[in-house]
Amino acid sequence: MLATSNLGKIKEAKEILSHYGMSVEQFNGKGTEIQADTNGEVAAYASRGAAFSAGEPVLVEDAGLYVRSLRGFPGPYSAYVFKTIGVAGIISLIGEGRAKGRAARFESSVAYCEPGGEPRLFDGSVAGTISSEPRGDRGFGFDPIFVPTGSARTFGELTLREKCAVSHRAAAMRKFAEWYLSRAPG
């Protein structure tokens, strides 16, 4: 079960984990989302509460956009920053004509936790740049302004399958799936 209220994360998890023969169900009880210095701390803390509430193992994923010229801001505070200033606010903070200042990366931490257990973390990241304007209506959050390295299109312009081939979330989920399947008997 993936503990989240974000349907975009559910769609991506289903696409990614289906390649491993794994299915995903939504648990709408993520647990408390703390403010912390890393996405891993946020995901780990929330996974403990979600596993307790669900009474079974859960996954919690937390991601952040790290803009180099903004000294890594918004980082683990990305959800709050998105809700308050949005994509236009990030573009404004970077300013115009600062190509070097547009370097960024997305980071994801997936926490797997069993009730009463300690979370196990799986991390993924993807480098890229921030576009000068939002492009595309796919994905969610900062997807319309993030251009992954090697692409001319933003995450917001990529299909679900294309995004899941290169995203930070996919990298973390793949690490989880490989670990989970390696520990299963037979």
C-alpha atoms as a PDB file:
ATOM      1  CA  MET A   1       0.000   0.000   0.000  1.00  0.00           C
ATOM      2  CA  LEU A   2       1.135   3.499  -0.815  1.00  0.00           C
ATOM      3  CA  ALA A   3       0.063   5.973   1.852  1.00  0.00           C
ATOM      4  CA  THR A   4      -0.762   9.204   0.033  1.00  0.00           C
ATOM      5  CA  SER A   5      -3.647  11.405  -0.982  1.00  0.00           C
ATOM      6  CA  ASN A   6      -1.791  12.341  -4.194  1.00  0.00           C
ATOM      7  CA  LEU A   7      -3.391  10.447  -7.088  1.00  0.00           C
ATOM      8  CA  GLY A   8      -0.445  11.373  -9.322  1.00  0.00           C
ATOM      9  CA  LYS A   9       1.892   9.426  -7.042  1.00  0.00           C
ATOM     10  CA  ILE A  10      -0.488   6.450  -7.146  1.00  0.00           C
ATOM     11  CA  LYS A  11      -0.539   6.465 -10.977  1.00  0.00           C
ATOM     12  CA  GLU A  12       3.245   6.643 -11.123  1.00  0.00           C
ATOM     13  CA  ALA A  13       3.724   3.890  -8.523  1.00  0.00           C
ATOM     14  CA  LYS A  14       1.339   1.621 -10.433  1.00  0.00           C
ATOM     15  CA  GLU A  15       3.227   2.228 -13.682  1.00  0.00           C
ATOM     16  CA  ILE A  16       6.660   1.689 -12.097  1.00  0.00           C
ATOM     17  CA  LEU A  17       5.874  -1.321  -9.914  1.00  0.00           C
ATOM     18  CA  SER A  18       3.793  -3.112 -12.569  1.00  0.00           C
ATOM     19  CA  HIS A  19       7.088  -3.888 -14.336  1.00  0.00           C
ATOM     20  CA  TYR A  20       7.981  -5.966 -11.258  1.00  0.00           C
ATOM     21  CA  GLY A  21       4.638  -7.774 -11.145  1.00  0.00           C
ATOM     22  CA  MET A  22       3.651  -5.721  -8.103  1.00  0.00           C
ATOM     23  CA  SER A  23       0.307  -3.986  -7.591  1.00  0.00           C
ATOM     24  CA  VAL A  24      -0.355  -0.826  -5.630  1.00  0.00           C
ATOM     25  CA  GLU A  25      -3.305   0.159  -3.504  1.00  0.00           C
ATOM     26  CA  GLN A  26      -3.856   3.591  -2.019  1.00  0.00           C
ATOM     27  CA  PHE A  27      -3.993   4.060   1.736  1.00  0.00           C
ATOM     28  CA  ASN A  28      -5.326   7.519   2.469  1.00  0.00           C
ATOM     29  CA  GLY A  29      -3.716   7.750   5.880  1.00  0.00           C
ATOM     30  CA  LYS A  30      -0.173   8.924   5.287  1.00  0.00           C
ATOM     31  CA  GLY A  31       0.509   9.812   8.878  1.00  0.00           C
ATOM     32  CA  THR A  32       1.975  13.028  10.164  1.00  0.00           C
ATOM     33  CA  GLU A  33       4.173  14.891   7.700  1.00  0.00           C
ATOM     34  CA  ILE A  34       6.851  16.640   9.699  1.00  0.00           C
ATOM     35  CA  GLN A  35       9.057  19.470   8.499  1.00  0.00           C
ATOM     36  CA  ALA A  36      12.616  18.183   8.326  1.00  0.00           C
ATOM     37  CA  ASP A  37      15.894  18.811   6.543  1.00  0.00           C
ATOM     38  CA  THR A  38      15.637  15.768   4.259  1.00  0.00           C
ATOM     39  CA  ASN A  39      12.948  13.980   2.291  1.00  0.00           C
ATOM     40  CA  GLY A  40      14.070  10.739   3.921  1.00  0.00           C
ATOM     41  CA  GLU A  41      13.299  12.047   7.417  1.00  0.00           C
ATOM     42  CA  VAL A  42       9.840  13.159   6.285  1.00  0.00           C
ATOM     43  CA  ALA A  43       9.040   9.835   4.575  1.00  0.00           C
ATOM     44  CA  ALA A  44      10.409   7.705   7.420  1.00  0.00           C
ATOM     45  CA  TYR A  45       8.439   9.529  10.101  1.00  0.00           C
ATOM     46  CA  ALA A  46       5.195   9.428   8.118  1.00  0.00           C
ATOM     47  CA  SER A  47       5.650   5.739   7.267  1.00  0.00           C
ATOM     48  CA  ARG A  48       5.735   4.735  10.940  1.00  0.00           C
ATOM     49  CA  GLY A  49       2.378   6.380  11.598  1.00  0.00           C
ATOM     50  CA  ALA A  50       0.844   5.109   8.364  1.00  0.00           C
ATOM     51  CA  ALA A  51       1.938   1.512   9.034  1.00  0.00           C
ATOM     52  CA  PHE A  52       0.449   1.714  12.520  1.00  0.00           C
ATOM     53  CA  SER A  53      -2.844   3.112  11.150  1.00  0.00           C
ATOM     54  CA  ALA A  54      -3.034   0.625   8.287  1.00  0.00           C
ATOM     55  CA  GLY A  55      -2.035  -2.335  10.416  1.00  0.00           C
ATOM     56  CA  GLU A  56       0.094  -3.613   7.556  1.00  0.00           C
ATOM     57  CA  PRO A  57       3.242  -2.649   5.631  1.00  0.00           C
ATOM     58  CA  VAL A  58       3.098   0.641   3.760  1.00  0.00           C
ATOM     59  CA  LEU A  59       5.157   2.804   1.456  1.00  0.00           C
ATOM     60  CA  VAL A  60       5.409   6.561   1.890  1.00  0.00           C
ATOM     61  CA  GLU A  61       7.141   8.681  -0.732  1.00  0.00           C
ATOM     62  CA  ASP A  62       8.378  12.220  -0.250  1.00  0.00           C
ATOM     63  CA  ALA A  63      10.046  14.272  -2.940  1.00  0.00           C
ATOM     64  CA  GLY A  64      11.712  17.636  -3.205  1.00  0.00           C
ATOM     65  CA  LEU A  65      12.892  20.018  -5.891  1.00  0.00           C
ATOM     66  CA  TYR A  66      16.392  21.343  -5.201  1.00  0.00           C
ATOM     67  CA  VAL A  67      17.386  24.457  -7.183  1.00  0.00           C
ATOM     68  CA  ARG A  68      21.135  25.077  -7.140  1.00  0.00           C
ATOM     69  CA  SER A  69      20.996  28.894  -7.388  1.00  0.00           C
ATOM     70  CA  LEU A  70      18.508  28.940  -4.507  1.00  0.00           C
ATOM     71  CA  ARG A  71      20.928  26.892  -2.362  1.00  0.00           C
ATOM     72  CA  GLY A  72      18.740  23.808  -2.629  1.00  0.00           C
ATOM     73  CA  PHE A  73      15.481  25.581  -1.908  1.00  0.00           C
ATOM     74  CA  PRO A  74      12.692  24.479  -1.758  1.00  0.00           C
ATOM     75  CA  GLY A  75      14.069  20.957  -1.079  1.00  0.00           C
ATOM     76  CA  PRO A  76      12.028  19.032   1.496  1.00  0.00           C
ATOM     77  CA  TYR A  77       9.659  22.005   1.794  1.00  0.00           C
ATOM     78  CA  SER A  78       8.536  21.645  -1.845  1.00  0.00           C
ATOM     79  CA  ALA A  79       4.902  20.733  -1.144  1.00  0.00           C
ATOM     80  CA  TYR A  80       4.449  23.789   1.071  1.00  0.00           C
ATOM     81  CA  VAL A  81       6.271  26.064  -1.371  1.00  0.00           C
ATOM     82  CA  PHE A  82       4.168  24.736  -4.252  1.00  0.00           C
ATOM     83  CA  LYS A  83       0.971  25.475  -2.306  1.00  0.00           C
ATOM     84  CA  THR A  84       2.106  28.991  -1.387  1.00  0.00           C
ATOM     85  CA  ILE A  85       4.032  30.408  -4.379  1.00  0.00           C
ATOM     86  CA  GLY A  86       3.618  27.711  -7.048  1.00  0.00           C
ATOM     87  CA  VAL A  87       5.666  27.256 -10.191  1.00  0.00           C
ATOM     88  CA  ALA A  88       5.503  30.965 -11.024  1.00  0.00           C
ATOM     89  CA  GLY A  89       7.058  31.775  -7.659  1.00  0.00           C
ATOM     90  CA  ILE A  90      10.033  29.481  -8.250  1.00  0.00           C
ATOM     91  CA  ILE A  91      10.588  30.959 -11.721  1.00  0.00           C
ATOM     92  CA  SER A  92      10.413  34.449 -10.213  1.00  0.00           C
ATOM     93  CA  LEU A  93      12.904  33.580  -7.463  1.00  0.00           C
ATOM     94  CA  ILE A  94      15.392  32.318 -10.041  1.00  0.00           C
ATOM     95  CA  GLY A  95      14.966  35.397 -12.218  1.00  0.00           C
ATOM     96  CA  GLU A  96      15.301  35.842 -15.939  1.00  0.00           C
ATOM     97  CA  GLY A  97      18.324  35.132 -18.090  1.00  0.00           C
ATOM     98  CA  ARG A  98      20.171  33.073 -15.501  1.00  0.00           C
ATOM     99  CA  ALA A  99      20.827  29.879 -17.434  1.00  0.00           C
ATOM    100  CA  LYS A 100      23.426  28.691 -14.897  1.00  0.00           C
ATOM    101  CA  GLY A 101      21.023  29.462 -12.078  1.00  0.00           C
ATOM    102  CA  ARG A 102      18.435  27.080 -13.514  1.00  0.00           C
ATOM    103  CA  ALA A 103      20.269  23.863 -12.605  1.00  0.00           C
ATOM    104  CA  ALA A 104      18.128  21.691 -10.353  1.00  0.00           C
ATOM    105  CA  ARG A 105      17.418  18.159  -9.270  1.00  0.00           C
ATOM    106  CA  PHE A 106      14.449  16.245  -8.018  1.00  0.00           C
ATOM    107  CA  GLU A 107      15.025  13.859  -5.122  1.00  0.00           C
ATOM    108  CA  SER A 108      12.699  11.142  -3.871  1.00  0.00           C
ATOM    109  CA  SER A 109      12.738   9.041  -0.730  1.00  0.00           C
ATOM    110  CA  VAL A 110      10.523   5.972  -0.489  1.00  0.00           C
ATOM    111  CA  ALA A 111      10.072   4.576   3.004  1.00  0.00           C
ATOM    112  CA  TYR A 112       8.848   1.009   3.514  1.00  0.00           C
ATOM    113  CA  CYS A 113       7.622   0.309   7.026  1.00  0.00           C
ATOM    114  CA  GLU A 114       5.904  -2.585   8.741  1.00  0.00           C
ATOM    115  CA  PRO A 115       3.717  -1.915  11.813  1.00  0.00           C
ATOM    116  CA  GLY A 116       5.979  -1.448  14.829  1.00  0.00           C
ATOM    117  CA  GLY A 117       9.076  -1.673  12.651  1.00  0.00           C
ATOM    118  CA  GLU A 118      11.748   0.710  11.516  1.00  0.00           C
ATOM    119  CA  PRO A 119      11.457   2.261   8.051  1.00  0.00           C
ATOM    120  CA  ARG A 120      13.781   1.219   5.266  1.00  0.00           C
ATOM    121  CA  LEU A 121      14.626   4.059   2.847  1.00  0.00           C
ATOM    122  CA  PHE A 122      15.202   3.979  -0.895  1.00  0.00           C
ATOM    123  CA  ASP A 123      16.394   7.148  -2.631  1.00  0.00           C
ATOM    124  CA  GLY A 124      16.392   8.328  -6.220  1.00  0.00           C
ATOM    125  CA  SER A 125      17.261  11.558  -7.988  1.00  0.00           C
ATOM    126  CA  VAL A 126      17.264  13.103 -11.426  1.00  0.00           C
ATOM    127  CA  ALA A 127      19.226  16.157 -12.566  1.00  0.00           C
ATOM    128  CA  GLY A 128      17.800  18.811 -14.821  1.00  0.00           C
ATOM    129  CA  THR A 129      16.981  22.481 -15.201  1.00  0.00           C
ATOM    130  CA  ILE A 130      14.096  24.808 -14.468  1.00  0.00           C
ATOM    131  CA  SER A 131      12.347  26.090 -17.588  1.00  0.00           C
ATOM    132  CA  SER A 132      11.691  29.811 -17.997  1.00  0.00           C
ATOM    133  CA  GLU A 133       7.943  29.174 -18.168  1.00  0.00           C
ATOM    134  CA  PRO A 134       5.555  26.332 -17.312  1.00  0.00           C
ATOM    135  CA  ARG A 135       5.022  23.834 -20.129  1.00  0.00           C
ATOM    136  CA  GLY A 136       2.692  20.858 -20.249  1.00  0.00           C
ATOM    137  CA  ASP A 137      -0.356  19.820 -18.287  1.00  0.00           C
ATOM    138  CA  ARG A 138       0.667  16.331 -17.230  1.00  0.00           C
ATOM    139  CA  GLY A 139       2.023  15.269 -13.882  1.00  0.00           C
ATOM    140  CA  PHE A 140       1.669  17.436 -10.789  1.00  0.00           C
ATOM    141  CA  GLY A 141       3.517  19.894  -8.596  1.00  0.00           C
ATOM    142  CA  PHE A 142       6.622  21.353 -10.198  1.00  0.00           C
ATOM    143  CA  ASP A 143       6.488  18.965 -13.203  1.00  0.00           C
ATOM    144  CA  PRO A 144       5.631  21.772 -15.696  1.00  0.00           C
ATOM    145  CA  ILE A 145       8.924  23.585 -14.981  1.00  0.00           C
ATOM    146  CA  PHE A 146      11.391  20.699 -14.544  1.00  0.00           C
ATOM    147  CA  VAL A 147      13.339  19.604 -17.634  1.00  0.00           C
ATOM    148  CA  PRO A 148      15.270  16.386 -16.950  1.00  0.00           C
ATOM    149  CA  THR A 149      18.814  16.206 -18.324  1.00  0.00           C
ATOM    150  CA  GLY A 150      18.803  14.779 -21.843  1.00  0.00           C
ATOM    151  CA  SER A 151      15.305  16.043 -22.630  1.00  0.00           C
ATOM    152  CA  ALA A 152      13.955  19.214 -24.201  1.00  0.00           C
ATOM    153  CA  ARG A 153      10.567  18.652 -22.564  1.00  0.00           C
ATOM    154  CA  THR A 154       9.411  19.218 -18.992  1.00  0.00           C
ATOM    155  CA  PHE A 155       7.996  16.432 -16.838  1.00  0.00           C
ATOM    156  CA  GLY A 156       4.653  18.166 -17.507  1.00  0.00           C
ATOM    157  CA  GLU A 157       5.054  17.452 -21.225  1.00  0.00           C
ATOM    158  CA  LEU A 158       6.085  13.801 -20.853  1.00  0.00           C
ATOM    159  CA  THR A 159       3.658  10.903 -20.878  1.00  0.00           C
ATOM    160  CA  LEU A 160       3.337   8.890 -17.697  1.00  0.00           C
ATOM    161  CA  ARG A 161       5.477   6.130 -19.196  1.00  0.00           C
ATOM    162  CA  GLU A 162       8.157   8.592 -20.376  1.00  0.00           C
ATOM    163  CA  LYS A 163       8.333  10.296 -16.983  1.00  0.00           C
ATOM    164  CA  CYS A 164       8.513   6.973 -15.139  1.00  0.00           C
ATOM    165  CA  ALA A 165      11.449   5.923 -17.306  1.00  0.00           C
ATOM    166  CA  VAL A 166      13.621   8.758 -15.957  1.00  0.00           C
ATOM    167  CA  SER A 167      12.136  10.224 -12.784  1.00  0.00           C
ATOM    168  CA  HIS A 168      13.499  10.436  -9.252  1.00  0.00           C
ATOM    169  CA  ARG A 169      10.414   8.642  -7.945  1.00  0.00           C
ATOM    170  CA  ALA A 170      10.898   5.804 -10.419  1.00  0.00           C
ATOM    171  CA  ALA A 171      14.543   5.388  -9.390  1.00  0.00           C
ATOM    172  CA  ALA A 172      13.575   5.136  -5.713  1.00  0.00           C
ATOM    173  CA  MET A 173      10.611   2.823  -6.392  1.00  0.00           C
ATOM    174  CA  ARG A 174      12.760   0.521  -8.537  1.00  0.00           C
ATOM    175  CA  LYS A 175      15.281   0.230  -5.692  1.00  0.00           C
ATOM    176  CA  PHE A 176      12.452  -0.640  -3.321  1.00  0.00           C
ATOM    177  CA  ALA A 177      10.970  -3.242  -5.710  1.00  0.00           C
ATOM    178  CA  GLU A 178      14.327  -4.947  -6.281  1.00  0.00           C
ATOM    179  CA  TRP A 179      14.985  -5.098  -2.534  1.00  0.00           C
ATOM    180  CA  TYR A 180      11.475  -6.310  -1.722  1.00  0.00           C
ATOM    181  CA  LEU A 181      11.519  -9.047  -4.351  1.00  0.00           C
ATOM    182  CA  SER A 182      15.022 -10.165  -3.350  1.00  0.00           C
ATOM    183  CA  ARG A 183      13.841 -10.899   0.185  1.00  0.00           C
ATOM    184  CA  ALA A 184      10.764 -12.862  -0.873  1.00  0.00           C
ATOM    185  CA  PRO A 185      11.066 -16.659  -0.660  1.00  0.00           C
ATOM    186  CA  GLY A 186      11.389 -18.714  -3.797  1.00  0.00           C
END
